[in-house]
């Protein structure tokens, strides 16, 4: 279910539509078993599964990180940490108001930090990437 909200960021008003995905669940009638439930087999304890972290992220952003020019959602990352980039080379795609915007390098250098992930929502001024 889509819900509409009016928000203000830096004095500008935006109309935002959001899909509600985690609300209160609706009661469901219990299923009637047709067969007896199987007896659980005891398992041996195992080590907890560790979540893999993306290799494109790095340390927290400093003051020299490129900032998001507008609020939006990161759709694609076109570079990784360690890549050499040239000035005006596309770095990522930021979707804002249903338009895809290329975020380009402000200078040539080496990517030392990517501070966002695909699907992440950012606000204007949030750090995106660091080039040294």
N, C-alpha and C. Protein backbone atom coordinates (compact mmCIF):
# COMPACT_ATOMS: atom_id res chain seq x y z
N UNK A 1 0.84 -1.17 0.00
CA UNK A 1 0.00 0.00 0.00
C UNK A 1 0.89 1.24 0.00
N UNK A 2 0.68 2.13 -0.94
CA UNK A 2 1.46 3.36 -1.02
C UNK A 2 0.82 4.42 -0.14
N UNK A 3 1.66 5.13 0.59
CA UNK A 3 1.20 6.25 1.42
C UNK A 3 1.95 7.48 0.98
N UNK A 4 1.27 8.62 0.98
CA UNK A 4 1.89 9.88 0.55
C UNK A 4 2.22 10.72 1.78
N UNK A 5 3.39 11.36 1.73
CA UNK A 5 3.84 12.24 2.79
C UNK A 5 4.38 13.52 2.17
N UNK A 6 4.22 14.62 2.86
CA UNK A 6 4.82 15.88 2.45
C UNK A 6 5.94 16.16 3.44
N UNK A 7 7.18 16.29 2.93
CA UNK A 7 8.32 16.55 3.80
C UNK A 7 9.00 17.83 3.36
N UNK A 8 9.72 18.46 4.29
CA UNK A 8 10.47 19.67 3.98
C UNK A 8 11.94 19.41 4.28
N UNK A 9 12.81 19.71 3.31
CA UNK A 9 14.25 19.57 3.46
C UNK A 9 14.87 20.89 3.06
N UNK A 10 15.60 21.49 3.97
CA UNK A 10 16.24 22.78 3.73
C UNK A 10 15.25 23.81 3.19
N UNK A 11 14.03 23.82 3.74
CA UNK A 11 13.03 24.80 3.36
C UNK A 11 12.26 24.48 2.08
N UNK A 12 12.61 23.39 1.39
CA UNK A 12 11.90 23.00 0.17
C UNK A 12 10.96 21.85 0.51
N UNK A 13 9.73 21.91 0.00
CA UNK A 13 8.77 20.86 0.25
C UNK A 13 8.79 19.83 -0.87
N UNK A 14 8.69 18.54 -0.48
CA UNK A 14 8.66 17.44 -1.42
C UNK A 14 7.47 16.56 -1.10
N UNK A 15 6.79 16.04 -2.13
CA UNK A 15 5.73 15.07 -1.96
C UNK A 15 6.35 13.70 -2.21
N UNK A 16 6.28 12.82 -1.21
CA UNK A 16 6.95 11.53 -1.27
C UNK A 16 5.91 10.43 -1.15
N UNK A 17 6.02 9.41 -2.00
CA UNK A 17 5.17 8.22 -1.90
C UNK A 17 6.03 7.10 -1.36
N UNK A 18 5.54 6.43 -0.32
CA UNK A 18 6.29 5.35 0.30
C UNK A 18 5.42 4.11 0.38
N UNK A 19 6.04 2.96 0.15
CA UNK A 19 5.33 1.70 0.27
C UNK A 19 5.50 1.18 1.69
N UNK A 20 4.40 0.85 2.32
CA UNK A 20 4.44 0.32 3.68
C UNK A 20 4.73 -1.16 3.60
N UNK A 21 5.87 -1.58 4.19
CA UNK A 21 6.23 -3.00 4.10
C UNK A 21 6.33 -3.68 5.45
N UNK A 22 6.38 -2.94 6.53
CA UNK A 22 6.60 -3.59 7.81
C UNK A 22 5.51 -3.36 8.82
N UNK A 23 4.32 -3.01 8.40
CA UNK A 23 3.24 -2.68 9.34
C UNK A 23 2.80 -3.87 10.17
N UNK A 24 1.68 -3.69 10.85
CA UNK A 24 1.11 -4.74 11.69
C UNK A 24 0.55 -5.82 10.78
N UNK A 25 0.91 -7.06 11.05
CA UNK A 25 0.44 -8.15 10.20
C UNK A 25 -1.02 -8.46 10.49
N UNK A 26 -1.73 -8.90 9.47
CA UNK A 26 -3.13 -9.26 9.59
C UNK A 26 -3.23 -10.65 10.19
N UNK A 27 -4.25 -10.89 11.05
CA UNK A 27 -4.40 -12.22 11.62
C UNK A 27 -4.73 -13.24 10.53
N UNK A 28 -4.13 -14.40 10.64
CA UNK A 28 -4.33 -15.46 9.66
C UNK A 28 -4.91 -16.66 10.40
N UNK A 29 -5.89 -17.29 9.81
CA UNK A 29 -6.48 -18.48 10.43
C UNK A 29 -5.45 -19.59 10.45
N UNK A 30 -5.35 -20.33 11.57
CA UNK A 30 -4.35 -21.39 11.65
C UNK A 30 -4.69 -22.51 10.67
N UNK A 31 -3.65 -23.08 10.08
CA UNK A 31 -3.84 -24.18 9.15
C UNK A 31 -4.16 -25.45 9.92
N UNK A 32 -5.03 -26.25 9.37
CA UNK A 32 -5.40 -27.52 9.99
C UNK A 32 -4.50 -28.59 9.39
N UNK A 33 -3.66 -29.26 10.23
CA UNK A 33 -2.76 -30.27 9.67
C UNK A 33 -3.54 -31.50 9.22
N UNK A 34 -3.13 -32.05 8.08
CA UNK A 34 -3.76 -33.26 7.59
C UNK A 34 -2.94 -34.48 7.95
N UNK A 35 -1.67 -34.29 8.27
CA UNK A 35 -0.79 -35.38 8.67
C UNK A 35 -0.14 -34.99 9.99
N UNK A 36 0.28 -35.98 10.77
CA UNK A 36 0.97 -35.64 12.01
C UNK A 36 2.29 -34.94 11.70
N UNK A 37 2.65 -33.99 12.55
CA UNK A 37 3.90 -33.24 12.38
C UNK A 37 5.09 -34.16 12.59
N UNK A 38 6.14 -34.04 11.77
CA UNK A 38 7.32 -34.88 11.95
C UNK A 38 8.07 -34.47 13.22
N UNK A 39 8.72 -35.44 13.83
CA UNK A 39 9.51 -35.14 15.02
C UNK A 39 10.80 -34.47 14.60
N UNK A 40 11.14 -33.36 15.29
CA UNK A 40 12.37 -32.68 14.92
C UNK A 40 13.60 -33.52 15.25
N UNK A 41 14.59 -33.43 14.38
CA UNK A 41 15.86 -34.13 14.59
C UNK A 41 16.80 -33.15 15.25
N UNK A 42 17.36 -33.54 16.41
CA UNK A 42 18.29 -32.61 17.07
C UNK A 42 19.51 -32.37 16.18
N UNK A 43 19.93 -31.13 16.11
CA UNK A 43 21.10 -30.80 15.30
C UNK A 43 22.26 -30.43 16.19
N UNK A 44 23.45 -30.55 15.63
CA UNK A 44 24.64 -30.18 16.38
C UNK A 44 24.83 -28.69 16.25
N UNK A 45 25.32 -28.06 17.30
CA UNK A 45 25.51 -26.61 17.22
C UNK A 45 26.55 -26.26 16.15
N UNK A 46 26.28 -25.20 15.42
CA UNK A 46 27.21 -24.73 14.40
C UNK A 46 27.60 -23.30 14.71
N UNK A 47 28.65 -22.86 14.05
CA UNK A 47 29.09 -21.48 14.24
C UNK A 47 28.10 -20.55 13.56
N UNK A 48 27.88 -19.35 14.13
CA UNK A 48 26.95 -18.43 13.48
C UNK A 48 27.47 -17.99 12.12
N UNK A 49 26.57 -17.79 11.20
CA UNK A 49 26.92 -17.36 9.86
C UNK A 49 27.24 -15.87 9.89
N UNK A 50 28.39 -15.52 9.33
CA UNK A 50 28.79 -14.12 9.29
C UNK A 50 28.31 -13.51 7.99
N UNK A 51 27.77 -12.31 8.09
CA UNK A 51 27.30 -11.59 6.91
C UNK A 51 28.51 -11.04 6.16
N UNK A 52 28.49 -11.18 4.85
CA UNK A 52 29.56 -10.64 4.03
C UNK A 52 29.34 -9.14 3.86
N UNK A 53 30.41 -8.38 4.00
CA UNK A 53 30.31 -6.93 3.80
C UNK A 53 30.79 -6.60 2.40
N UNK A 54 30.14 -5.68 1.73
CA UNK A 54 30.57 -5.33 0.38
C UNK A 54 31.99 -4.78 0.39
N UNK A 55 32.77 -5.12 -0.62
CA UNK A 55 34.16 -4.67 -0.68
C UNK A 55 34.29 -3.25 -1.19
N UNK A 56 33.17 -2.63 -1.56
CA UNK A 56 33.26 -1.30 -2.13
C UNK A 56 33.19 -0.21 -1.08
N UNK A 57 32.79 -0.55 0.14
CA UNK A 57 32.70 0.47 1.17
C UNK A 57 34.05 0.64 1.85
N UNK A 58 34.20 1.71 2.59
CA UNK A 58 35.46 1.99 3.25
C UNK A 58 35.19 2.69 4.56
N UNK A 59 36.22 3.29 5.10
CA UNK A 59 36.13 4.01 6.37
C UNK A 59 35.13 5.16 6.27
N UNK A 60 34.72 5.72 7.40
CA UNK A 60 33.77 6.84 7.37
C UNK A 60 34.29 8.00 6.52
N UNK A 61 33.36 8.71 5.93
CA UNK A 61 33.70 9.81 5.02
C UNK A 61 34.29 10.99 5.77
N UNK A 62 35.26 11.62 5.14
CA UNK A 62 35.84 12.84 5.70
C UNK A 62 35.23 14.06 5.04
N UNK A 63 35.76 15.23 5.35
CA UNK A 63 35.25 16.47 4.78
C UNK A 63 35.53 16.60 3.29
N UNK A 64 36.48 15.79 2.77
CA UNK A 64 36.84 15.89 1.36
C UNK A 64 35.97 15.00 0.46
N UNK A 65 34.99 14.29 1.02
CA UNK A 65 34.14 13.41 0.23
C UNK A 65 33.18 14.22 -0.64
N UNK A 66 32.90 13.71 -1.83
CA UNK A 66 31.91 14.34 -2.71
C UNK A 66 30.54 14.20 -2.06
N UNK A 67 29.75 15.24 -2.12
CA UNK A 67 28.44 15.26 -1.47
C UNK A 67 27.33 15.04 -2.50
N UNK A 68 26.21 14.48 -2.03
CA UNK A 68 25.04 14.31 -2.89
C UNK A 68 24.47 15.68 -3.24
N UNK A 69 24.22 15.94 -4.52
CA UNK A 69 23.70 17.25 -4.92
C UNK A 69 22.21 17.41 -4.64
N UNK A 70 21.51 16.29 -4.42
CA UNK A 70 20.06 16.31 -4.21
C UNK A 70 19.65 15.03 -3.50
N UNK A 71 18.49 15.00 -2.88
CA UNK A 71 18.03 13.76 -2.27
C UNK A 71 17.64 12.76 -3.37
N UNK A 72 17.86 11.48 -3.11
CA UNK A 72 17.51 10.46 -4.09
C UNK A 72 17.93 9.09 -3.63
N UNK A 73 17.96 8.16 -4.56
CA UNK A 73 18.29 6.77 -4.29
C UNK A 73 19.44 6.34 -5.20
N UNK A 74 20.43 5.65 -4.64
CA UNK A 74 21.57 5.18 -5.43
C UNK A 74 21.11 3.97 -6.24
N UNK A 75 21.19 4.07 -7.58
CA UNK A 75 20.74 2.99 -8.46
C UNK A 75 21.88 2.10 -8.93
N UNK A 76 23.04 2.69 -9.23
CA UNK A 76 24.20 1.93 -9.72
C UNK A 76 25.47 2.56 -9.20
N UNK A 77 26.44 1.71 -8.88
CA UNK A 77 27.80 2.17 -8.57
C UNK A 77 28.66 1.75 -9.75
N UNK A 78 29.37 2.69 -10.35
CA UNK A 78 30.15 2.42 -11.54
C UNK A 78 31.64 2.28 -11.27
N UNK A 79 32.09 2.56 -10.03
CA UNK A 79 33.49 2.44 -9.66
C UNK A 79 33.61 1.73 -8.32
N UNK A 80 34.80 1.23 -8.04
CA UNK A 80 35.11 0.58 -6.77
C UNK A 80 36.29 1.28 -6.11
N UNK A 81 36.49 1.01 -4.83
CA UNK A 81 37.65 1.53 -4.12
C UNK A 81 38.91 1.02 -4.82
N UNK A 82 39.85 1.93 -5.08
CA UNK A 82 41.10 1.57 -5.73
C UNK A 82 41.12 1.91 -7.22
N UNK A 83 39.96 2.19 -7.81
CA UNK A 83 39.90 2.54 -9.24
C UNK A 83 40.48 3.94 -9.46
N UNK A 84 41.16 4.09 -10.59
CA UNK A 84 41.63 5.41 -11.02
C UNK A 84 40.52 6.03 -11.86
N UNK A 85 40.18 7.28 -11.59
CA UNK A 85 39.12 7.97 -12.33
C UNK A 85 39.66 9.29 -12.89
N UNK A 86 39.00 9.75 -13.95
CA UNK A 86 39.35 11.03 -14.56
C UNK A 86 38.23 12.02 -14.26
N UNK A 87 38.55 13.29 -14.31
CA UNK A 87 37.56 14.33 -14.09
C UNK A 87 36.39 14.16 -15.05
N UNK A 88 35.18 14.31 -14.56
CA UNK A 88 33.92 14.18 -15.30
C UNK A 88 33.57 12.74 -15.68
N UNK A 89 34.31 11.73 -15.16
CA UNK A 89 33.96 10.34 -15.39
C UNK A 89 32.75 9.98 -14.52
N UNK A 90 31.74 9.29 -15.07
CA UNK A 90 30.59 8.88 -14.26
C UNK A 90 31.01 7.92 -13.14
N UNK A 91 30.53 8.19 -11.93
CA UNK A 91 30.86 7.38 -10.76
C UNK A 91 29.69 6.53 -10.29
N UNK A 92 28.48 7.08 -10.38
CA UNK A 92 27.29 6.38 -9.91
C UNK A 92 26.06 7.02 -10.53
N UNK A 93 24.93 6.31 -10.41
CA UNK A 93 23.64 6.81 -10.89
C UNK A 93 22.77 7.07 -9.67
N UNK A 94 22.27 8.30 -9.56
CA UNK A 94 21.40 8.72 -8.46
C UNK A 94 20.03 9.00 -9.05
N UNK A 95 19.01 8.27 -8.59
CA UNK A 95 17.65 8.52 -9.07
C UNK A 95 16.99 9.52 -8.16
N UNK A 96 16.48 10.59 -8.75
CA UNK A 96 15.78 11.62 -8.01
C UNK A 96 14.56 12.05 -8.82
N UNK A 97 13.41 12.03 -8.21
CA UNK A 97 12.16 12.41 -8.86
C UNK A 97 11.97 11.64 -10.17
N UNK A 98 12.22 10.34 -10.14
CA UNK A 98 12.05 9.42 -11.27
C UNK A 98 12.95 9.72 -12.45
N UNK A 99 14.05 10.43 -12.19
CA UNK A 99 15.04 10.71 -13.23
C UNK A 99 16.38 10.17 -12.78
N UNK A 100 17.11 9.52 -13.71
CA UNK A 100 18.44 9.02 -13.39
C UNK A 100 19.45 10.13 -13.65
N UNK A 101 20.26 10.43 -12.65
CA UNK A 101 21.27 11.49 -12.73
C UNK A 101 22.65 10.87 -12.56
N UNK A 102 23.57 11.15 -13.47
CA UNK A 102 24.95 10.69 -13.35
C UNK A 102 25.69 11.58 -12.37
N UNK A 103 26.34 10.97 -11.40
CA UNK A 103 27.24 11.70 -10.50
C UNK A 103 28.63 11.49 -11.07
N UNK A 104 29.30 12.58 -11.43
CA UNK A 104 30.60 12.48 -12.10
C UNK A 104 31.71 12.97 -11.17
N UNK A 105 32.93 12.51 -11.46
CA UNK A 105 34.10 12.87 -10.67
C UNK A 105 34.38 14.37 -10.81
N UNK A 106 34.61 15.01 -9.68
CA UNK A 106 34.93 16.43 -9.69
C UNK A 106 36.41 16.68 -9.98
N UNK A 107 37.20 15.61 -9.88
CA UNK A 107 38.64 15.72 -10.16
C UNK A 107 39.17 14.35 -10.52
N UNK A 108 40.36 14.31 -11.10
CA UNK A 108 41.01 13.03 -11.40
C UNK A 108 41.70 12.52 -10.14
N UNK A 109 41.82 11.21 -10.02
CA UNK A 109 42.50 10.63 -8.88
C UNK A 109 42.11 9.19 -8.65
N UNK A 110 42.38 8.72 -7.45
CA UNK A 110 42.10 7.34 -7.07
C UNK A 110 40.93 7.33 -6.09
N UNK A 111 39.97 6.42 -6.30
CA UNK A 111 38.83 6.28 -5.40
C UNK A 111 39.33 5.64 -4.11
N UNK A 112 39.24 6.39 -3.01
CA UNK A 112 39.70 5.87 -1.71
C UNK A 112 38.55 5.50 -0.79
N UNK A 113 37.34 5.83 -1.19
CA UNK A 113 36.20 5.46 -0.35
C UNK A 113 34.89 5.62 -1.08
N UNK A 114 34.03 4.59 -0.98
CA UNK A 114 32.66 4.66 -1.48
C UNK A 114 31.78 4.55 -0.25
N UNK A 115 30.99 5.57 0.02
CA UNK A 115 30.27 5.67 1.29
C UNK A 115 28.78 5.37 1.18
N UNK A 116 28.35 4.81 0.04
CA UNK A 116 26.94 4.47 -0.17
C UNK A 116 26.86 3.07 -0.78
N UNK A 117 25.67 2.50 -0.76
CA UNK A 117 25.42 1.21 -1.38
C UNK A 117 24.24 1.33 -2.34
N UNK A 118 24.13 0.39 -3.25
CA UNK A 118 23.02 0.38 -4.20
C UNK A 118 21.72 0.24 -3.42
N UNK A 119 20.75 1.07 -3.77
CA UNK A 119 19.45 1.04 -3.10
C UNK A 119 19.35 1.99 -1.92
N UNK A 120 20.46 2.54 -1.48
CA UNK A 120 20.47 3.43 -0.33
C UNK A 120 19.86 4.78 -0.71
N UNK A 121 19.04 5.32 0.18
CA UNK A 121 18.50 6.67 0.00
C UNK A 121 19.46 7.67 0.63
N UNK A 122 19.70 8.77 -0.06
CA UNK A 122 20.60 9.80 0.44
C UNK A 122 19.88 11.14 0.44
N UNK A 123 20.32 12.02 1.30
CA UNK A 123 19.83 13.40 1.35
C UNK A 123 20.86 14.31 0.71
N UNK A 124 20.44 15.49 0.34
CA UNK A 124 21.37 16.47 -0.22
C UNK A 124 22.46 16.73 0.80
N UNK A 125 23.72 16.65 0.37
CA UNK A 125 24.85 16.91 1.27
C UNK A 125 25.44 15.68 1.92
N UNK A 126 24.80 14.51 1.75
CA UNK A 126 25.36 13.27 2.32
C UNK A 126 26.62 12.90 1.54
N UNK A 127 27.65 12.34 2.22
CA UNK A 127 28.87 11.94 1.52
C UNK A 127 28.61 10.74 0.62
N UNK A 128 29.16 10.79 -0.60
CA UNK A 128 28.97 9.71 -1.56
C UNK A 128 30.26 8.94 -1.80
N UNK A 129 31.33 9.66 -2.15
CA UNK A 129 32.56 9.02 -2.57
C UNK A 129 33.74 9.95 -2.29
N UNK A 130 34.91 9.35 -2.02
CA UNK A 130 36.12 10.13 -1.78
C UNK A 130 37.13 9.80 -2.86
N UNK A 131 37.68 10.83 -3.48
CA UNK A 131 38.72 10.68 -4.50
C UNK A 131 39.94 11.45 -4.02
N UNK A 132 41.09 10.77 -3.99
CA UNK A 132 42.33 11.42 -3.56
C UNK A 132 43.28 11.58 -4.72
